[in-house]
Amino acid sequence: MKIYLAGPMRGILDYNFPAFNREADRLRALGHDVFNPAEEESGPPAPGQHLPMVRYMRKDLPVVMASDAVVLLPGSSQSTGATMEVVVAAGCGIPLLKAGTLEPVQAPHVEWLQEV
């Protein structure tokens, strides 16, 4: 399965790269093809040196759209970027799954997108 890994980065030590990398490794060991946004950078940016959100979304949202599922790390609901990725995926019928268990996650407040 092609998986997009989503989760919080800003405001977390090392931009949460260790958690992204651990979950990507775990999913790959299960045979999944994983897009890990943390691997797209040369390393975590220095505190306060991240790029504008639009730069990340222009690159990441097409990958979300090409994925079979989006796996959500803990804290995703408090992340602006992960929330945008969830809205796009849920609005397009791409399943959302919980990191660690791959249990389905219900996206809050996006049902109306499927009616538009």
C-alpha atoms as a PDB file:
ATOM      1  CA  MET A   1       0.000   0.000   0.000  1.00  0.00           C
ATOM      2  CA  LYS A   2       1.210   3.527  -0.806  1.00  0.00           C
ATOM      3  CA  ILE A   3       1.153   5.474   2.451  1.00  0.00           C
ATOM      4  CA  TYR A   4       1.609   9.162   3.167  1.00  0.00           C
ATOM      5  CA  LEU A   5       2.867   9.722   6.714  1.00  0.00           C
ATOM      6  CA  ALA A   6       1.382  12.822   8.376  1.00  0.00           C
ATOM      7  CA  GLY A   7       1.954  14.380  11.756  1.00  0.00           C
ATOM      8  CA  PRO A   8       3.056  17.414  13.713  1.00  0.00           C
ATOM      9  CA  MET A   9       6.487  18.930  13.175  1.00  0.00           C
ATOM     10  CA  ARG A  10       6.623  22.590  14.162  1.00  0.00           C
ATOM     11  CA  GLY A  11       7.136  23.243  17.844  1.00  0.00           C
ATOM     12  CA  ILE A  12       8.424  19.711  18.503  1.00  0.00           C
ATOM     13  CA  LEU A  13      12.036  18.829  19.282  1.00  0.00           C
ATOM     14  CA  ASP A  14      13.896  17.983  16.046  1.00  0.00           C
ATOM     15  CA  TYR A  15      10.637  18.724  14.205  1.00  0.00           C
ATOM     16  CA  ASN A  16       9.441  15.262  15.243  1.00  0.00           C
ATOM     17  CA  PHE A  17      11.706  13.665  12.636  1.00  0.00           C
ATOM     18  CA  PRO A  18      12.580  10.731  14.954  1.00  0.00           C
ATOM     19  CA  ALA A  19       8.895   9.762  15.291  1.00  0.00           C
ATOM     20  CA  PHE A  20       8.349  10.094  11.535  1.00  0.00           C
ATOM     21  CA  ASN A  21      11.401   7.959  10.810  1.00  0.00           C
ATOM     22  CA  ARG A  22      10.477   5.242  13.332  1.00  0.00           C
ATOM     23  CA  GLU A  23       6.957   4.896  11.920  1.00  0.00           C
ATOM     24  CA  ALA A  24       8.207   4.939   8.319  1.00  0.00           C
ATOM     25  CA  ASP A  25      10.689   2.164   9.150  1.00  0.00           C
ATOM     26  CA  ARG A  26       7.941   0.133  10.869  1.00  0.00           C
ATOM     27  CA  LEU A  27       5.553   0.503   7.928  1.00  0.00           C
ATOM     28  CA  ARG A  28       8.244  -0.386   5.399  1.00  0.00           C
ATOM     29  CA  ALA A  29       9.081  -3.514   7.397  1.00  0.00           C
ATOM     30  CA  LEU A  30       5.425  -4.477   6.901  1.00  0.00           C
ATOM     31  CA  GLY A  31       5.889  -4.109   3.134  1.00  0.00           C
ATOM     32  CA  HIS A  32       4.338  -0.679   2.568  1.00  0.00           C
ATOM     33  CA  ASP A  33       5.626   2.031   0.232  1.00  0.00           C
ATOM     34  CA  VAL A  34       5.925   5.061   2.532  1.00  0.00           C
ATOM     35  CA  PHE A  35       6.329   8.755   1.752  1.00  0.00           C
ATOM     36  CA  ASN A  36       7.918  10.293   4.834  1.00  0.00           C
ATOM     37  CA  PRO A  37       8.058  14.114   4.640  1.00  0.00           C
ATOM     38  CA  ALA A  38      10.928  14.113   7.153  1.00  0.00           C
ATOM     39  CA  GLU A  39      13.081  12.302   4.596  1.00  0.00           C
ATOM     40  CA  GLU A  40      12.485  15.031   2.032  1.00  0.00           C
ATOM     41  CA  GLU A  41      14.625  17.495   3.988  1.00  0.00           C
ATOM     42  CA  SER A  42      18.360  17.393   4.650  1.00  0.00           C
ATOM     43  CA  GLY A  43      17.532  17.480   8.355  1.00  0.00           C
ATOM     44  CA  PRO A  44      15.317  19.397  10.725  1.00  0.00           C
ATOM     45  CA  PRO A  45      15.444  23.161  10.161  1.00  0.00           C
ATOM     46  CA  ALA A  46      16.986  25.299  12.877  1.00  0.00           C
ATOM     47  CA  PRO A  47      14.369  26.573  15.336  1.00  0.00           C
ATOM     48  CA  GLY A  48      12.279  29.240  13.651  1.00  0.00           C
ATOM     49  CA  GLN A  49      13.897  28.618  10.253  1.00  0.00           C
ATOM     50  CA  HIS A  50      11.168  26.530   8.637  1.00  0.00           C
ATOM     51  CA  LEU A  51       9.850  27.576   5.261  1.00  0.00           C
ATOM     52  CA  PRO A  52       6.347  28.956   4.640  1.00  0.00           C
ATOM     53  CA  MET A  53       3.578  26.339   4.812  1.00  0.00           C
ATOM     54  CA  VAL A  54       2.731  26.838   1.126  1.00  0.00           C
ATOM     55  CA  ARG A  55       6.166  25.481   0.148  1.00  0.00           C
ATOM     56  CA  TYR A  56       5.498  22.219   1.971  1.00  0.00           C
ATOM     57  CA  MET A  57       1.877  21.852   0.837  1.00  0.00           C
ATOM     58  CA  ARG A  58       2.730  22.386  -2.845  1.00  0.00           C
ATOM     59  CA  LYS A  59       5.023  19.384  -2.619  1.00  0.00           C
ATOM     60  CA  ASP A  60       3.102  17.189  -0.179  1.00  0.00           C
ATOM     61  CA  LEU A  61      -0.554  17.470  -1.244  1.00  0.00           C
ATOM     62  CA  PRO A  62       0.020  15.833  -4.654  1.00  0.00           C
ATOM     63  CA  VAL A  63       1.656  12.929  -2.804  1.00  0.00           C
ATOM     64  CA  VAL A  64      -1.355  12.695  -0.470  1.00  0.00           C
ATOM     65  CA  MET A  65      -3.580  12.486  -3.560  1.00  0.00           C
ATOM     66  CA  ALA A  66      -1.469   9.665  -5.026  1.00  0.00           C
ATOM     67  CA  SER A  67      -1.567   7.632  -1.798  1.00  0.00           C
ATOM     68  CA  ASP A  68      -3.782   4.704  -0.861  1.00  0.00           C
ATOM     69  CA  ALA A  69      -3.926   5.883   2.768  1.00  0.00           C
ATOM     70  CA  VAL A  70      -2.677   8.588   5.122  1.00  0.00           C
ATOM     71  CA  VAL A  71      -1.201   7.369   8.407  1.00  0.00           C
ATOM     72  CA  LEU A  72      -1.477   9.865  11.251  1.00  0.00           C
ATOM     73  CA  LEU A  73       1.124  10.218  13.971  1.00  0.00           C
ATOM     74  CA  PRO A  74       0.045  11.270  17.478  1.00  0.00           C
ATOM     75  CA  GLY A  75      -0.679  14.983  17.706  1.00  0.00           C
ATOM     76  CA  SER A  76      -1.782  15.297  14.082  1.00  0.00           C
ATOM     77  CA  SER A  77      -4.982  17.085  15.050  1.00  0.00           C
ATOM     78  CA  GLN A  78      -2.915  19.943  16.532  1.00  0.00           C
ATOM     79  CA  SER A  79      -0.840  20.346  13.354  1.00  0.00           C
ATOM     80  CA  THR A  80      -1.840  22.854  10.680  1.00  0.00           C
ATOM     81  CA  GLY A  81      -0.075  20.925   7.920  1.00  0.00           C
ATOM     82  CA  ALA A  82      -1.396  17.520   8.975  1.00  0.00           C
ATOM     83  CA  THR A  83      -4.897  18.994   9.274  1.00  0.00           C
ATOM     84  CA  MET A  84      -4.712  20.220   5.678  1.00  0.00           C
ATOM     85  CA  GLU A  85      -3.487  16.803   4.557  1.00  0.00           C
ATOM     86  CA  VAL A  86      -6.344  15.123   6.469  1.00  0.00           C
ATOM     87  CA  VAL A  87      -8.960  17.411   4.921  1.00  0.00           C
ATOM     88  CA  VAL A  88      -7.672  16.733   1.399  1.00  0.00           C
ATOM     89  CA  ALA A  89      -7.457  12.970   1.963  1.00  0.00           C
ATOM     90  CA  ALA A  90     -10.828  12.666   3.690  1.00  0.00           C
ATOM     91  CA  GLY A  91     -12.526  14.888   1.143  1.00  0.00           C
ATOM     92  CA  CYS A  92     -11.250  12.621  -1.624  1.00  0.00           C
ATOM     93  CA  GLY A  93     -12.116   9.364   0.129  1.00  0.00           C
ATOM     94  CA  ILE A  94      -8.521   8.398   0.943  1.00  0.00           C
ATOM     95  CA  PRO A  95      -8.523   6.362   4.168  1.00  0.00           C
ATOM     96  CA  LEU A  96      -6.998   7.789   7.326  1.00  0.00           C
ATOM     97  CA  LEU A  97      -5.217   5.317   9.606  1.00  0.00           C
ATOM     98  CA  LYS A  98      -3.718   5.561  13.080  1.00  0.00           C
ATOM     99  CA  ALA A  99       0.060   5.152  13.352  1.00  0.00           C
ATOM    100  CA  GLY A 100       1.094   2.038  15.224  1.00  0.00           C
ATOM    101  CA  THR A 101      -2.144   0.124  14.684  1.00  0.00           C
ATOM    102  CA  LEU A 102      -3.359   1.116  11.205  1.00  0.00           C
ATOM    103  CA  GLU A 103      -6.878   1.319  12.654  1.00  0.00           C
ATOM    104  CA  PRO A 104      -9.226   3.583  10.677  1.00  0.00           C
ATOM    105  CA  VAL A 105      -9.529   7.159  11.923  1.00  0.00           C
ATOM    106  CA  GLN A 106     -12.673   9.201  11.396  1.00  0.00           C
ATOM    107  CA  ALA A 107     -11.845  12.692  10.145  1.00  0.00           C
ATOM    108  CA  PRO A 108     -13.898  15.265  12.029  1.00  0.00           C
ATOM    109  CA  HIS A 109     -15.926  17.903  10.210  1.00  0.00           C
ATOM    110  CA  VAL A 110     -15.070  16.988   6.619  1.00  0.00           C
ATOM    111  CA  GLU A 111     -18.155  14.997   5.580  1.00  0.00           C
ATOM    112  CA  TRP A 112     -19.469  18.015   3.683  1.00  0.00           C
ATOM    113  CA  LEU A 113     -16.488  17.891   1.311  1.00  0.00           C
ATOM    114  CA  GLN A 114     -17.721  14.640  -0.191  1.00  0.00           C
ATOM    115  CA  GLU A 115     -21.030  16.307  -1.087  1.00  0.00           C
ATOM    116  CA  VAL A 116     -19.555  19.237  -3.022  1.00  0.00           C
END
